[in-house]
């Protein structure tokens, strides 16, 4: 038995190193599976970043409408939405999503 091990010493070392590298390639913090998980996380974070940038731009636009030079049409829209205010003989319908 010991004689067979000595004869196949390099083969055993090669098999051990091959298994070690394959295991580390597939698993671990820097493995292939972790790479795909991080790739999906990066994609989700980029989508979230775009969404937040769009929200910021929308809020900047609305803020600019309420600056020193008031946009009376926008103020009227805000009053109608928040206070359910309407003109005389006007019907207001509230749609729930």
N, C-alpha and C. Protein backbone atom coordinates (compact mmCIF):
# COMPACT_ATOMS: atom_id res chain seq x y z
N UNK A 1 0.83 -1.20 0.00
CA UNK A 1 0.00 0.00 0.00
C UNK A 1 0.87 1.25 0.00
N UNK A 2 1.85 1.26 0.88
CA UNK A 2 2.75 2.41 0.97
C UNK A 2 3.58 2.55 -0.31
N UNK A 3 3.91 1.44 -0.92
CA UNK A 3 4.68 1.45 -2.16
C UNK A 3 3.85 2.05 -3.30
N UNK A 4 2.52 1.74 -3.33
CA UNK A 4 1.64 2.29 -4.37
C UNK A 4 1.49 3.80 -4.20
N UNK A 5 1.43 4.24 -2.97
CA UNK A 5 1.29 5.67 -2.70
C UNK A 5 2.55 6.41 -3.15
N UNK A 6 3.71 5.82 -2.89
CA UNK A 6 4.96 6.45 -3.31
C UNK A 6 5.07 6.50 -4.84
N UNK A 7 4.58 5.49 -5.51
CA UNK A 7 4.63 5.48 -6.97
C UNK A 7 3.67 6.52 -7.58
N UNK A 8 2.56 6.72 -6.94
CA UNK A 8 1.54 7.64 -7.46
C UNK A 8 1.51 8.96 -6.67
N UNK A 9 2.63 9.34 -6.12
CA UNK A 9 2.70 10.54 -5.28
C UNK A 9 2.32 11.80 -6.06
N UNK A 10 2.86 11.98 -7.25
CA UNK A 10 2.55 13.17 -8.05
C UNK A 10 1.10 13.15 -8.54
N UNK A 11 0.59 11.97 -8.81
CA UNK A 11 -0.80 11.85 -9.23
C UNK A 11 -1.75 12.25 -8.10
N UNK A 12 -1.46 11.83 -6.90
CA UNK A 12 -2.28 12.20 -5.74
C UNK A 12 -2.23 13.71 -5.48
N UNK A 13 -1.04 14.27 -5.58
CA UNK A 13 -0.91 15.72 -5.36
C UNK A 13 -1.67 16.48 -6.45
N UNK A 14 -1.56 16.02 -7.69
CA UNK A 14 -2.28 16.66 -8.80
C UNK A 14 -3.79 16.59 -8.59
N UNK A 15 -4.30 15.43 -8.19
CA UNK A 15 -5.74 15.27 -7.95
C UNK A 15 -6.19 16.15 -6.80
N UNK A 16 -5.40 16.19 -5.74
CA UNK A 16 -5.75 17.04 -4.59
C UNK A 16 -5.79 18.52 -5.00
N UNK A 17 -4.78 18.98 -5.73
CA UNK A 17 -4.75 20.38 -6.16
C UNK A 17 -5.89 20.69 -7.13
N UNK A 18 -6.18 19.76 -8.02
CA UNK A 18 -7.28 19.95 -8.96
C UNK A 18 -8.62 20.08 -8.22
N UNK A 19 -8.86 19.20 -7.25
CA UNK A 19 -10.10 19.28 -6.47
C UNK A 19 -10.15 20.58 -5.66
N UNK A 20 -9.02 20.98 -5.10
CA UNK A 20 -8.96 22.21 -4.32
C UNK A 20 -9.32 23.43 -5.18
N UNK A 21 -8.71 23.53 -6.37
CA UNK A 21 -8.99 24.67 -7.24
C UNK A 21 -10.41 24.65 -7.78
N UNK A 22 -10.93 23.48 -8.10
CA UNK A 22 -12.32 23.39 -8.57
C UNK A 22 -13.30 23.80 -7.47
N UNK A 23 -13.03 23.35 -6.25
CA UNK A 23 -13.91 23.71 -5.14
C UNK A 23 -13.89 25.22 -4.90
N UNK A 24 -12.71 25.82 -4.93
CA UNK A 24 -12.61 27.27 -4.72
C UNK A 24 -13.14 28.07 -5.90
N UNK A 25 -13.09 27.50 -7.08
CA UNK A 25 -13.63 28.17 -8.25
C UNK A 25 -15.15 28.30 -8.14
N UNK A 26 -15.80 27.27 -7.66
CA UNK A 26 -17.26 27.25 -7.61
C UNK A 26 -17.82 27.88 -6.35
N UNK A 27 -17.16 27.73 -5.23
CA UNK A 27 -17.73 28.23 -3.98
C UNK A 27 -16.81 29.27 -3.38
N UNK A 28 -17.18 29.76 -2.24
CA UNK A 28 -16.36 30.75 -1.57
C UNK A 28 -16.83 32.16 -1.89
N UNK A 29 -16.18 33.11 -1.28
CA UNK A 29 -16.58 34.51 -1.43
C UNK A 29 -16.25 35.05 -2.83
N UNK A 30 -15.25 34.49 -3.46
CA UNK A 30 -14.86 34.94 -4.79
C UNK A 30 -15.11 33.87 -5.84
N UNK A 31 -16.04 32.97 -5.56
CA UNK A 31 -16.31 31.88 -6.48
C UNK A 31 -17.30 32.27 -7.57
N UNK A 32 -17.58 31.30 -8.41
CA UNK A 32 -18.45 31.52 -9.57
C UNK A 32 -19.89 31.80 -9.14
N UNK A 33 -20.38 31.06 -8.16
CA UNK A 33 -21.76 31.26 -7.68
C UNK A 33 -21.89 32.64 -7.05
N UNK A 34 -20.91 33.02 -6.25
CA UNK A 34 -20.92 34.34 -5.62
C UNK A 34 -20.85 35.44 -6.67
N UNK A 35 -20.11 35.20 -7.74
CA UNK A 35 -20.01 36.18 -8.83
C UNK A 35 -21.37 36.47 -9.45
N UNK A 36 -22.14 35.41 -9.72
CA UNK A 36 -23.46 35.62 -10.32
C UNK A 36 -24.41 36.31 -9.34
N UNK A 37 -24.32 35.98 -8.05
CA UNK A 37 -25.14 36.67 -7.05
C UNK A 37 -24.79 38.16 -7.00
N UNK A 38 -23.51 38.46 -7.05
CA UNK A 38 -23.09 39.86 -7.00
C UNK A 38 -23.48 40.60 -8.28
N UNK A 39 -23.49 39.88 -9.39
CA UNK A 39 -23.89 40.50 -10.66
C UNK A 39 -25.37 40.89 -10.61
N UNK A 40 -26.21 40.02 -10.05
CA UNK A 40 -27.64 40.33 -9.91
C UNK A 40 -27.83 41.49 -8.95
N UNK A 41 -27.09 41.50 -7.85
CA UNK A 41 -27.18 42.59 -6.88
C UNK A 41 -26.78 43.92 -7.51
N UNK A 42 -25.73 43.90 -8.33
CA UNK A 42 -25.28 45.12 -9.00
C UNK A 42 -26.35 45.64 -9.96
N UNK A 43 -27.00 44.72 -10.68
CA UNK A 43 -28.07 45.13 -11.60
C UNK A 43 -29.22 45.76 -10.84
N UNK A 44 -29.61 45.16 -9.71
CA UNK A 44 -30.69 45.71 -8.90
C UNK A 44 -30.33 47.08 -8.34
N UNK A 45 -29.09 47.24 -7.91
CA UNK A 45 -28.66 48.53 -7.38
C UNK A 45 -28.63 49.62 -8.46
N UNK A 46 -28.24 49.25 -9.68
CA UNK A 46 -28.26 50.22 -10.77
C UNK A 46 -29.68 50.64 -11.10
N UNK A 47 -30.62 49.69 -11.10
CA UNK A 47 -32.03 50.04 -11.34
C UNK A 47 -32.56 50.93 -10.23
N UNK A 48 -32.18 50.63 -9.00
CA UNK A 48 -32.63 51.45 -7.87
C UNK A 48 -32.03 52.85 -7.97
N UNK A 49 -30.79 52.95 -8.42
CA UNK A 49 -30.15 54.26 -8.58
C UNK A 49 -30.88 55.09 -9.63
N UNK A 50 -31.22 54.46 -10.76
CA UNK A 50 -31.96 55.19 -11.80
C UNK A 50 -33.32 55.66 -11.30
N UNK A 51 -33.98 54.80 -10.53
CA UNK A 51 -35.28 55.17 -9.97
C UNK A 51 -35.15 56.36 -9.03
N UNK A 52 -34.13 56.34 -8.17
CA UNK A 52 -33.94 57.45 -7.23
C UNK A 52 -33.55 58.74 -7.96
N UNK A 53 -32.76 58.63 -9.01
CA UNK A 53 -32.40 59.82 -9.79
C UNK A 53 -33.64 60.42 -10.44
N UNK A 54 -34.52 59.56 -10.96
CA UNK A 54 -35.76 60.06 -11.56
C UNK A 54 -36.64 60.74 -10.52
N UNK A 55 -36.71 60.18 -9.32
CA UNK A 55 -37.51 60.80 -8.26
C UNK A 55 -36.92 62.15 -7.87
N UNK A 56 -35.60 62.23 -7.79
CA UNK A 56 -34.96 63.50 -7.44
C UNK A 56 -35.23 64.55 -8.51
N UNK A 57 -35.13 64.16 -9.77
CA UNK A 57 -35.41 65.11 -10.85
C UNK A 57 -36.86 65.58 -10.82
N UNK A 58 -37.77 64.66 -10.54
CA UNK A 58 -39.19 65.02 -10.45
C UNK A 58 -39.43 65.99 -9.29
N UNK A 59 -38.81 65.72 -8.15
CA UNK A 59 -38.98 66.62 -7.01
C UNK A 59 -38.32 67.98 -7.26
N UNK A 60 -37.19 68.00 -7.95
CA UNK A 60 -36.56 69.27 -8.30
C UNK A 60 -37.47 70.09 -9.22
N UNK A 61 -38.11 69.41 -10.17
CA UNK A 61 -39.02 70.10 -11.07
C UNK A 61 -40.21 70.67 -10.31
N UNK A 62 -40.79 69.85 -9.42
CA UNK A 62 -41.93 70.34 -8.62
C UNK A 62 -41.51 71.48 -7.71
N UNK A 63 -40.31 71.40 -7.16
CA UNK A 63 -39.81 72.47 -6.31
C UNK A 63 -39.61 73.75 -7.09
N UNK A 64 -39.16 73.63 -8.33
CA UNK A 64 -38.97 74.83 -9.15
C UNK A 64 -40.30 75.48 -9.49
N UNK A 65 -41.37 74.69 -9.57
CA UNK A 65 -42.69 75.26 -9.84
C UNK A 65 -43.22 76.05 -8.65
N UNK A 66 -42.72 75.73 -7.46
CA UNK A 66 -43.18 76.43 -6.26
C UNK A 66 -42.17 77.47 -5.79
N UNK A 67 -41.34 77.96 -6.67
CA UNK A 67 -40.33 78.96 -6.30
C UNK A 67 -40.97 80.34 -6.27
N UNK A 68 -40.18 81.39 -6.41
CA UNK A 68 -40.66 82.77 -6.33
C UNK A 68 -41.73 83.07 -7.37
N UNK A 69 -41.54 82.59 -8.59
CA UNK A 69 -42.54 82.79 -9.63
C UNK A 69 -43.48 81.58 -9.61
N UNK A 70 -44.59 81.72 -8.92
CA UNK A 70 -45.51 80.59 -8.75
C UNK A 70 -46.22 80.26 -10.06
N UNK A 71 -46.30 79.00 -10.33
CA UNK A 71 -47.08 78.50 -11.45
C UNK A 71 -48.49 78.23 -10.92
N UNK A 72 -49.44 79.09 -11.25
CA UNK A 72 -50.78 79.00 -10.67
C UNK A 72 -51.49 77.72 -11.08
N UNK A 73 -51.20 77.22 -12.27
CA UNK A 73 -51.83 75.96 -12.69
C UNK A 73 -51.39 74.81 -11.79
N UNK A 74 -50.11 74.76 -11.45
CA UNK A 74 -49.61 73.69 -10.59
C UNK A 74 -50.17 73.82 -9.18
N UNK A 75 -50.29 75.04 -8.69
CA UNK A 75 -50.87 75.25 -7.35
C UNK A 75 -52.32 74.79 -7.34
N UNK A 76 -53.05 75.05 -8.42
CA UNK A 76 -54.43 74.60 -8.51
C UNK A 76 -54.50 73.06 -8.51
N UNK A 77 -53.59 72.43 -9.22
CA UNK A 77 -53.57 70.96 -9.24
C UNK A 77 -53.31 70.41 -7.84
N UNK A 78 -52.38 71.03 -7.11
CA UNK A 78 -52.09 70.58 -5.75
C UNK A 78 -53.30 70.75 -4.83
N UNK A 79 -53.97 71.88 -4.95
CA UNK A 79 -55.16 72.11 -4.10
C UNK A 79 -56.24 71.11 -4.42
N UNK A 80 -56.46 70.83 -5.69
CA UNK A 80 -57.50 69.87 -6.07
C UNK A 80 -57.17 68.46 -5.58
N UNK A 81 -55.90 68.07 -5.65
CA UNK A 81 -55.53 66.72 -5.21
C UNK A 81 -55.60 66.57 -3.71
N UNK A 82 -55.07 67.52 -2.99
CA UNK A 82 -54.94 67.36 -1.54
C UNK A 82 -56.22 67.68 -0.78
N UNK A 83 -56.95 68.69 -1.21
CA UNK A 83 -58.12 69.14 -0.46
C UNK A 83 -59.44 68.77 -1.13
N UNK A 84 -59.35 68.04 -2.24
CA UNK A 84 -60.54 67.65 -3.00
C UNK A 84 -61.43 68.86 -3.27
N UNK A 85 -60.80 69.92 -3.67
CA UNK A 85 -61.48 71.19 -3.94
C UNK A 85 -61.93 71.21 -5.39
N UNK A 86 -63.13 71.70 -5.61
CA UNK A 86 -63.64 71.80 -6.97
C UNK A 86 -64.40 73.09 -7.17
N UNK A 87 -64.70 73.38 -8.41
CA UNK A 87 -65.45 74.58 -8.73
C UNK A 87 -66.94 74.29 -8.59
N UNK A 88 -67.74 75.34 -8.68
CA UNK A 88 -69.18 75.21 -8.54
C UNK A 88 -69.73 74.35 -9.69
N UNK A 89 -70.66 73.45 -9.36
CA UNK A 89 -71.31 72.53 -10.29
C UNK A 89 -70.29 71.58 -10.96
N UNK A 90 -69.24 71.27 -10.26
CA UNK A 90 -68.23 70.36 -10.80
C UNK A 90 -68.30 69.05 -10.02
N UNK A 91 -68.24 67.95 -10.73
CA UNK A 91 -68.27 66.63 -10.08
C UNK A 91 -66.84 66.12 -9.95
N UNK A 92 -66.53 65.61 -8.77
CA UNK A 92 -65.20 65.08 -8.51
C UNK A 92 -65.30 63.57 -8.31
N UNK A 93 -64.52 62.84 -9.04
CA UNK A 93 -64.49 61.38 -8.93
C UNK A 93 -63.13 60.98 -8.38
N UNK A 94 -63.15 60.11 -7.38
CA UNK A 94 -61.89 59.63 -6.79
C UNK A 94 -61.70 58.19 -7.25
N UNK A 95 -60.61 57.96 -7.95
CA UNK A 95 -60.31 56.63 -8.47
C UNK A 95 -59.25 55.98 -7.57
N UNK A 96 -59.56 54.81 -7.07
CA UNK A 96 -58.59 54.08 -6.24
C UNK A 96 -57.89 53.06 -7.12
N UNK A 97 -56.59 52.99 -6.97
CA UNK A 97 -55.79 52.07 -7.78
C UNK A 97 -55.79 50.69 -7.20
